[in-house]
Amino acid sequence: MNAYSHRTWIPFYLVSFGTLSMAVFRSMDGLTLVGSLILVSGALAIIFMTIQAEVTRNTEKRELLEVLSKKMKSAGDSRDSGAK
């Protein structure tokens, strides 16, 4: 997986920053720590699902490229053997 892919890292940082900011402001206002923990755990779940979807998409893409390269290689071999 490309670690610099914007599809994964931009939402990761936005969700993390937003959630931590909200948790800090909730704690400063005197709201319960439980609410802040629920907020952070929800953000972690969203981040996990985003990364899992990205890994799945990358795996499917790699498998498709392997199948296509095998087909192209076999098509090239059959063309070369017919020309002889």
N, C-alpha and C. Protein backbone atom coordinates (compact mmCIF):
# COMPACT_ATOMS: atom_id res chain seq x y z
N MET A 1 0.84 -1.17 0.00
CA MET A 1 0.00 0.00 0.00
C MET A 1 0.89 1.24 0.00
N ASN A 2 0.53 2.20 -0.81
CA ASN A 2 1.28 3.44 -0.88
C ASN A 2 0.96 4.29 0.35
N ALA A 3 1.96 4.52 1.17
CA ALA A 3 1.75 5.24 2.43
C ALA A 3 1.41 6.71 2.20
N TYR A 4 1.67 7.22 1.02
CA TYR A 4 1.41 8.63 0.75
C TYR A 4 0.11 8.85 0.00
N SER A 5 -0.72 7.84 -0.08
CA SER A 5 -1.99 7.95 -0.78
C SER A 5 -2.90 8.95 -0.04
N HIS A 6 -3.39 9.92 -0.76
CA HIS A 6 -4.26 10.93 -0.14
C HIS A 6 -5.62 10.36 0.23
N ARG A 7 -6.01 9.27 -0.41
CA ARG A 7 -7.31 8.68 -0.10
C ARG A 7 -7.36 8.18 1.33
N THR A 8 -6.25 7.75 1.87
CA THR A 8 -6.24 7.21 3.23
C THR A 8 -5.85 8.24 4.26
N TRP A 9 -4.80 9.01 4.02
CA TRP A 9 -4.22 9.81 5.08
C TRP A 9 -4.95 11.12 5.34
N ILE A 10 -5.54 11.74 4.35
CA ILE A 10 -6.27 12.99 4.60
C ILE A 10 -7.48 12.75 5.50
N PRO A 11 -8.35 11.77 5.20
CA PRO A 11 -9.46 11.53 6.14
C PRO A 11 -8.98 11.10 7.52
N PHE A 12 -7.88 10.35 7.57
CA PHE A 12 -7.34 9.91 8.85
C PHE A 12 -7.00 11.10 9.73
N TYR A 13 -6.26 12.05 9.20
CA TYR A 13 -5.87 13.21 9.99
C TYR A 13 -7.05 14.13 10.29
N LEU A 14 -7.96 14.29 9.36
CA LEU A 14 -9.12 15.14 9.61
C LEU A 14 -10.00 14.58 10.72
N VAL A 15 -10.28 13.29 10.66
CA VAL A 15 -11.11 12.67 11.70
C VAL A 15 -10.40 12.71 13.05
N SER A 16 -9.10 12.42 13.04
CA SER A 16 -8.34 12.43 14.30
C SER A 16 -8.33 13.82 14.93
N PHE A 17 -8.01 14.84 14.14
CA PHE A 17 -7.93 16.19 14.66
C PHE A 17 -9.29 16.68 15.15
N GLY A 18 -10.32 16.44 14.37
CA GLY A 18 -11.66 16.87 14.76
C GLY A 18 -12.14 16.20 16.02
N THR A 19 -11.91 14.92 16.14
CA THR A 19 -12.36 14.19 17.31
C THR A 19 -11.60 14.61 18.57
N LEU A 20 -10.31 14.74 18.45
CA LEU A 20 -9.54 15.16 19.62
C LEU A 20 -9.89 16.57 20.05
N SER A 21 -10.14 17.44 19.07
CA SER A 21 -10.55 18.81 19.42
C SER A 21 -11.89 18.81 20.16
N MET A 22 -12.83 18.04 19.65
CA MET A 22 -14.15 17.98 20.30
C MET A 22 -14.03 17.37 21.70
N ALA A 23 -13.20 16.33 21.84
CA ALA A 23 -13.04 15.69 23.15
C ALA A 23 -12.42 16.67 24.16
N VAL A 24 -11.45 17.46 23.72
CA VAL A 24 -10.83 18.43 24.63
C VAL A 24 -11.83 19.50 25.04
N PHE A 25 -12.59 20.02 24.09
CA PHE A 25 -13.56 21.06 24.43
C PHE A 25 -14.68 20.52 25.31
N ARG A 26 -15.07 19.26 25.08
CA ARG A 26 -16.10 18.67 25.94
C ARG A 26 -15.58 18.52 27.36
N SER A 27 -14.33 18.13 27.50
CA SER A 27 -13.75 17.97 28.83
C SER A 27 -13.60 19.31 29.53
N MET A 28 -13.25 20.36 28.77
CA MET A 28 -13.08 21.69 29.36
C MET A 28 -14.42 22.26 29.83
N ASP A 29 -15.49 21.89 29.14
CA ASP A 29 -16.81 22.39 29.54
C ASP A 29 -17.37 21.64 30.74
N GLY A 30 -16.67 20.64 31.22
CA GLY A 30 -17.11 19.91 32.39
C GLY A 30 -17.98 18.71 32.06
N LEU A 31 -18.11 18.39 30.78
CA LEU A 31 -18.88 17.21 30.42
C LEU A 31 -18.09 15.96 30.79
N THR A 32 -18.76 14.87 30.80
CA THR A 32 -18.15 13.65 31.31
C THR A 32 -17.01 13.14 30.42
N LEU A 33 -16.11 12.46 31.06
CA LEU A 33 -15.01 11.82 30.35
C LEU A 33 -15.52 10.66 29.50
N VAL A 34 -16.61 10.05 29.94
CA VAL A 34 -17.18 8.92 29.19
C VAL A 34 -17.62 9.38 27.80
N GLY A 35 -18.23 10.55 27.72
CA GLY A 35 -18.65 11.08 26.41
C GLY A 35 -17.47 11.30 25.49
N SER A 36 -16.39 11.81 26.04
CA SER A 36 -15.19 12.04 25.23
C SER A 36 -14.58 10.72 24.78
N LEU A 37 -14.59 9.73 25.65
CA LEU A 37 -14.05 8.42 25.29
C LEU A 37 -14.89 7.75 24.21
N ILE A 38 -16.19 7.91 24.29
CA ILE A 38 -17.07 7.36 23.24
C ILE A 38 -16.78 8.05 21.91
N LEU A 39 -16.58 9.34 21.95
CA LEU A 39 -16.27 10.10 20.74
C LEU A 39 -14.95 9.63 20.11
N VAL A 40 -13.94 9.45 20.93
CA VAL A 40 -12.64 9.00 20.43
C VAL A 40 -12.73 7.57 19.90
N SER A 41 -13.45 6.70 20.59
CA SER A 41 -13.56 5.31 20.12
C SER A 41 -14.34 5.25 18.81
N GLY A 42 -15.33 6.11 18.63
CA GLY A 42 -16.04 6.17 17.35
C GLY A 42 -15.13 6.62 16.23
N ALA A 43 -14.27 7.59 16.52
CA ALA A 43 -13.32 8.06 15.50
C ALA A 43 -12.33 6.97 15.15
N LEU A 44 -11.87 6.22 16.14
CA LEU A 44 -10.95 5.12 15.86
C LEU A 44 -11.62 4.05 15.00
N ALA A 45 -12.89 3.81 15.22
CA ALA A 45 -13.61 2.83 14.40
C ALA A 45 -13.70 3.31 12.95
N ILE A 46 -13.97 4.59 12.76
CA ILE A 46 -14.04 5.14 11.40
C ILE A 46 -12.69 5.05 10.72
N ILE A 47 -11.64 5.37 11.44
CA ILE A 47 -10.29 5.30 10.88
C ILE A 47 -9.94 3.86 10.52
N PHE A 48 -10.27 2.91 11.39
CA PHE A 48 -9.99 1.50 11.11
C PHE A 48 -10.74 1.04 9.86
N MET A 49 -12.00 1.41 9.74
CA MET A 49 -12.77 1.00 8.56
C MET A 49 -12.21 1.62 7.28
N THR A 50 -11.75 2.86 7.35
CA THR A 50 -11.16 3.51 6.18
C THR A 50 -9.89 2.80 5.75
N ILE A 51 -9.03 2.49 6.69
CA ILE A 51 -7.77 1.83 6.35
C ILE A 51 -8.04 0.41 5.86
N GLN A 52 -9.00 -0.30 6.48
CA GLN A 52 -9.34 -1.65 6.03
C GLN A 52 -9.89 -1.63 4.61
N ALA A 53 -10.72 -0.66 4.27
CA ALA A 53 -11.24 -0.55 2.91
C ALA A 53 -10.13 -0.26 1.91
N GLU A 54 -9.17 0.55 2.31
CA GLU A 54 -8.06 0.88 1.43
C GLU A 54 -7.16 -0.33 1.20
N VAL A 55 -6.92 -1.11 2.23
CA VAL A 55 -6.10 -2.32 2.09
C VAL A 55 -6.83 -3.33 1.19
N THR A 56 -8.13 -3.48 1.38
CA THR A 56 -8.91 -4.39 0.55
C THR A 56 -8.89 -3.95 -0.90
N ARG A 57 -9.06 -2.67 -1.15
CA ARG A 57 -9.04 -2.15 -2.52
C ARG A 57 -7.67 -2.38 -3.17
N ASN A 58 -6.62 -2.18 -2.40
CA ASN A 58 -5.27 -2.37 -2.92
C ASN A 58 -5.01 -3.85 -3.23
N THR A 59 -5.48 -4.75 -2.37
CA THR A 59 -5.31 -6.18 -2.60
C THR A 59 -6.05 -6.63 -3.86
N GLU A 60 -7.28 -6.16 -4.04
CA GLU A 60 -8.04 -6.50 -5.23
C GLU A 60 -7.35 -5.98 -6.49
N LYS A 61 -6.82 -4.79 -6.41
CA LYS A 61 -6.12 -4.21 -7.55
C LYS A 61 -4.88 -5.03 -7.90
N ARG A 62 -4.12 -5.44 -6.89
CA ARG A 62 -2.92 -6.23 -7.12
C ARG A 62 -3.27 -7.58 -7.75
N GLU A 63 -4.35 -8.23 -7.27
CA GLU A 63 -4.77 -9.50 -7.84
C GLU A 63 -5.20 -9.34 -9.29
N LEU A 64 -5.92 -8.27 -9.59
CA LEU A 64 -6.36 -8.01 -10.96
C LEU A 64 -5.16 -7.79 -11.87
N LEU A 65 -4.18 -7.04 -11.40
CA LEU A 65 -2.98 -6.80 -12.21
C LEU A 65 -2.20 -8.09 -12.46
N GLU A 66 -2.15 -8.99 -11.47
CA GLU A 66 -1.48 -10.27 -11.67
C GLU A 66 -2.19 -11.10 -12.72
N VAL A 67 -3.53 -11.15 -12.67
CA VAL A 67 -4.30 -11.91 -13.65
C VAL A 67 -4.10 -11.33 -15.04
N LEU A 68 -4.15 -10.01 -15.15
CA LEU A 68 -3.98 -9.38 -16.46
C LEU A 68 -2.58 -9.60 -17.01
N SER A 69 -1.56 -9.56 -16.14
CA SER A 69 -0.21 -9.77 -16.64
C SER A 69 -0.02 -11.22 -17.10
N LYS A 70 -0.64 -12.18 -16.41
CA LYS A 70 -0.57 -13.57 -16.85
C LYS A 70 -1.26 -13.75 -18.20
N LYS A 71 -2.41 -13.10 -18.38
CA LYS A 71 -3.11 -13.20 -19.66
C LYS A 71 -2.30 -12.56 -20.78
N MET A 72 -1.71 -11.42 -20.50
CA MET A 72 -0.89 -10.76 -21.52
C MET A 72 0.33 -11.59 -21.86
N LYS A 73 0.92 -12.21 -20.85
CA LYS A 73 2.10 -13.03 -21.08
C LYS A 73 1.74 -14.27 -21.90
N SER A 74 0.61 -14.91 -21.58
CA SER A 74 0.20 -16.10 -22.34
C SER A 74 -0.21 -15.72 -23.76
N ALA A 75 -0.83 -14.55 -23.94
CA ALA A 75 -1.19 -14.10 -25.29
C ALA A 75 0.05 -13.80 -26.10
N GLY A 76 1.06 -13.25 -25.49
CA GLY A 76 2.32 -12.96 -26.17
C GLY A 76 3.05 -14.23 -26.53
N ASP A 77 3.02 -15.24 -25.66
CA ASP A 77 3.66 -16.52 -25.93
C ASP A 77 2.98 -17.24 -27.09
N SER A 78 1.65 -17.20 -27.14
CA SER A 78 0.94 -17.89 -28.21
C SER A 78 1.16 -17.18 -29.55
N ARG A 79 1.30 -15.88 -29.53
CA ARG A 79 1.58 -15.13 -30.75
C ARG A 79 2.99 -15.43 -31.27
N ASP A 80 3.93 -15.53 -30.32
CA ASP A 80 5.32 -15.82 -30.71
C ASP A 80 5.44 -17.24 -31.27
N SER A 81 4.74 -18.21 -30.69
CA SER A 81 4.85 -19.58 -31.18
C SER A 81 4.17 -19.75 -32.53
N GLY A 82 3.15 -18.97 -32.83
CA GLY A 82 2.48 -19.04 -34.13
C GLY A 82 3.30 -18.43 -35.23
N ALA A 83 4.19 -17.52 -34.92
CA ALA A 83 5.01 -16.84 -35.92
C ALA A 83 6.18 -17.68 -36.38
N LYS A 84 6.55 -18.69 -35.62
CA LYS A 84 7.71 -19.51 -35.96
C LYS A 84 7.44 -20.43 -37.05
